Each structure stands twice: as C-alpha cells, then as structure tokens.
Amino acid sequence: MRRLDPEETRAAVAAGALLIDTRTDVQRRTQGSLPGAIVIDRTVLEWRLDPLSPHRIPEATGHDRVVIVLCRQGYSSSLAAASLRAIGLTNATDLAGGVEAWLAAGLPTTTDPEDVRY
C-alpha cells in the first residue's frame, strides 16, 4: 500500500477522495479537525465504508472509491487501511504520520462542525 504524505492527502481530497478521521473526541479537540474529514469510529469503520454493507455511509459508493484514513500518528490508520483493502476497497490508504504530520506541514485545521458518523 502506498501511503500519502500531507500534501498528497490534501490534493486527493480536493480531487474527491474520502478522508476518514478515526481519532478519539479528545484527540480531535486537542489537535483540531481536518477540513472535509468524516469522523468514523474505528470499531465500525468497515461496516460504514463497505459498499455492500446495509450500514454503509452514502459516500461509500464503490470498492474503487479512494479512501484515506487518518489517526493521530499514522499507526492505527495504516492497519485500518489494510483492513479496508482486505474487504475489497482497493484504493484505501492512509495519511503517513497522521495528523501530527499534517500539522507539521503547516496545513489547515478547521473549527467547522465535525461530520461525525456512528
């Protein structure tokens, strides 16, 4: 799996990729929210993103959809992306270094209301 750096992630989201934030409420309050991110708890990630699941989010339109998972440091997101690939999401990947890399790159956060899906 090819992991994306912060600038690649930003460009992919601008091109229509789904950005999925699996961080906890506390981590998001501390580090901030990323523009365009959908918050999905890690425990339900596969159900929400599998296009064949009756519990999918509306944006989960196909197994070829580009999905970028992010976490705080990029460890759990890489495992989550691998899990998504295992259920057939061939273009699932993650943000290498997580939100910490995003912030270190000087990219923006937002104070807009979060798009939380449970």
Protein backbone atom coordinates (compact mmCIF):
# COMPACT_ATOMS: atom_id res chain seq x y z
CA MET A 1 0.00 0.00 0.00
CA ARG A 2 1.33 3.43 -0.93
CA ARG A 3 0.79 5.82 1.97
CA LEU A 4 0.20 9.50 1.30
CA ASP A 5 2.04 12.49 2.73
CA PRO A 6 0.05 15.52 3.91
CA GLU A 7 0.21 17.41 0.59
CA GLU A 8 -0.79 14.31 -1.39
CA THR A 9 -3.66 13.77 1.03
CA ARG A 10 -4.86 17.33 0.62
CA ALA A 11 -4.73 17.03 -3.19
CA ALA A 12 -6.54 13.67 -3.16
CA VAL A 13 -9.35 15.07 -1.01
CA ALA A 14 -9.65 18.04 -3.36
CA ALA A 15 -10.00 15.51 -6.20
CA GLY A 16 -12.83 13.67 -4.41
CA ALA A 17 -11.20 11.14 -2.07
CA LEU A 18 -12.95 10.36 1.19
CA LEU A 19 -10.93 11.50 4.22
CA ILE A 20 -11.83 9.39 7.24
CA ASP A 21 -10.78 10.51 10.72
CA THR A 22 -10.67 7.70 13.29
CA ARG A 23 -9.23 9.75 16.17
CA THR A 24 -10.99 10.00 19.51
CA ASP A 25 -13.03 13.03 20.56
CA VAL A 26 -10.23 14.09 22.90
CA GLN A 27 -7.59 13.86 20.16
CA ARG A 28 -9.75 15.91 17.77
CA ARG A 29 -10.39 18.57 20.42
CA THR A 30 -6.66 18.77 21.16
CA GLN A 31 -5.30 18.66 17.60
CA GLY A 32 -8.21 20.12 15.67
CA SER A 33 -10.34 18.81 12.84
CA LEU A 34 -9.24 18.44 9.24
CA PRO A 35 -11.28 20.13 6.51
CA GLY A 36 -13.54 17.69 4.70
CA ALA A 37 -12.96 14.78 7.08
CA ILE A 38 -15.72 12.38 8.02
CA VAL A 39 -15.35 11.08 11.57
CA ILE A 40 -15.99 7.35 11.89
CA ASP A 41 -15.12 5.33 14.98
CA ARG A 42 -12.53 2.67 14.23
CA THR A 43 -14.79 -0.05 15.65
CA VAL A 44 -17.37 0.43 12.86
CA LEU A 45 -15.10 1.55 10.01
CA GLU A 46 -15.51 -1.50 7.78
CA TRP A 47 -19.31 -1.54 8.12
CA ARG A 48 -19.57 2.13 7.25
CA LEU A 49 -17.27 2.03 4.21
CA ASP A 50 -18.11 -1.33 2.61
CA PRO A 51 -20.38 -0.50 -0.34
CA LEU A 52 -22.17 -3.84 0.17
CA SER A 53 -22.98 -3.19 3.83
CA PRO A 54 -26.53 -2.19 4.77
CA HIS A 55 -24.88 0.13 7.34
CA ARG A 56 -22.63 2.00 4.88
CA ILE A 57 -22.45 5.76 4.67
CA PRO A 58 -23.91 7.24 1.47
CA GLU A 59 -20.42 8.21 0.24
CA ALA A 60 -19.35 4.54 0.18
CA THR A 61 -20.30 4.20 -3.46
CA GLY A 62 -17.93 1.53 -4.74
CA HIS A 63 -14.97 -0.67 -3.97
CA ASP A 64 -12.80 1.54 -6.17
CA ARG A 65 -13.53 4.75 -4.21
CA VAL A 66 -10.37 6.40 -2.90
CA VAL A 67 -10.46 6.34 0.90
CA ILE A 68 -7.77 7.94 3.07
CA VAL A 69 -7.79 7.03 6.75
CA LEU A 70 -6.11 9.21 9.33
CA CYS A 71 -5.30 8.90 13.00
CA ARG A 72 -3.05 10.80 15.39
CA GLN A 73 0.36 9.45 14.29
CA GLY A 74 -0.32 7.17 11.33
CA TYR A 75 -0.04 3.81 13.05
CA SER A 76 -3.62 2.66 13.54
CA SER A 77 -4.66 4.28 10.26
CA SER A 78 -2.27 2.07 8.31
CA LEU A 79 -3.82 -1.01 9.92
CA ALA A 80 -7.31 0.35 9.22
CA ALA A 81 -6.47 0.96 5.56
CA ALA A 82 -5.11 -2.59 5.27
CA SER A 83 -8.35 -3.89 6.76
CA LEU A 84 -10.37 -1.88 4.22
CA ARG A 85 -8.25 -3.32 1.42
CA ALA A 86 -8.93 -6.81 2.80
CA ILE A 87 -12.68 -6.28 2.32
CA GLY A 88 -12.16 -5.11 -1.25
CA LEU A 89 -11.59 -1.35 -1.10
CA THR A 90 -8.67 -1.45 -3.49
CA ASN A 91 -7.83 2.26 -3.22
CA ALA A 92 -7.81 2.52 0.58
CA THR A 93 -4.70 4.13 2.06
CA ASP A 94 -3.74 6.40 4.92
CA LEU A 95 -2.03 9.64 5.84
CA ALA A 96 1.54 8.70 6.75
CA GLY A 97 2.42 10.34 10.05
CA GLY A 98 -1.22 11.11 10.80
CA VAL A 99 -2.50 14.45 11.94
CA GLU A 100 0.86 15.18 13.55
CA ALA A 101 2.42 15.16 10.04
CA TRP A 102 -0.45 17.32 8.72
CA LEU A 103 0.15 19.91 11.44
CA ALA A 104 3.94 19.78 11.00
CA ALA A 105 3.41 20.54 7.29
CA GLY A 106 1.53 23.69 8.29
CA LEU A 107 -1.73 22.55 6.70
CA PRO A 108 -5.01 23.97 8.00
CA THR A 109 -7.42 22.65 10.55
CA THR A 110 -10.99 23.82 10.88
CA THR A 111 -13.38 24.84 13.62
CA ASP A 112 -16.40 23.99 11.47
CA PRO A 113 -18.80 21.43 12.96
CA GLU A 114 -17.50 17.90 12.53
CA ASP A 115 -19.18 15.40 10.21
CA VAL A 116 -19.49 12.54 12.72
CA ARG A 117 -20.97 9.24 11.56
CA TYR A 118 -21.66 6.43 14.03
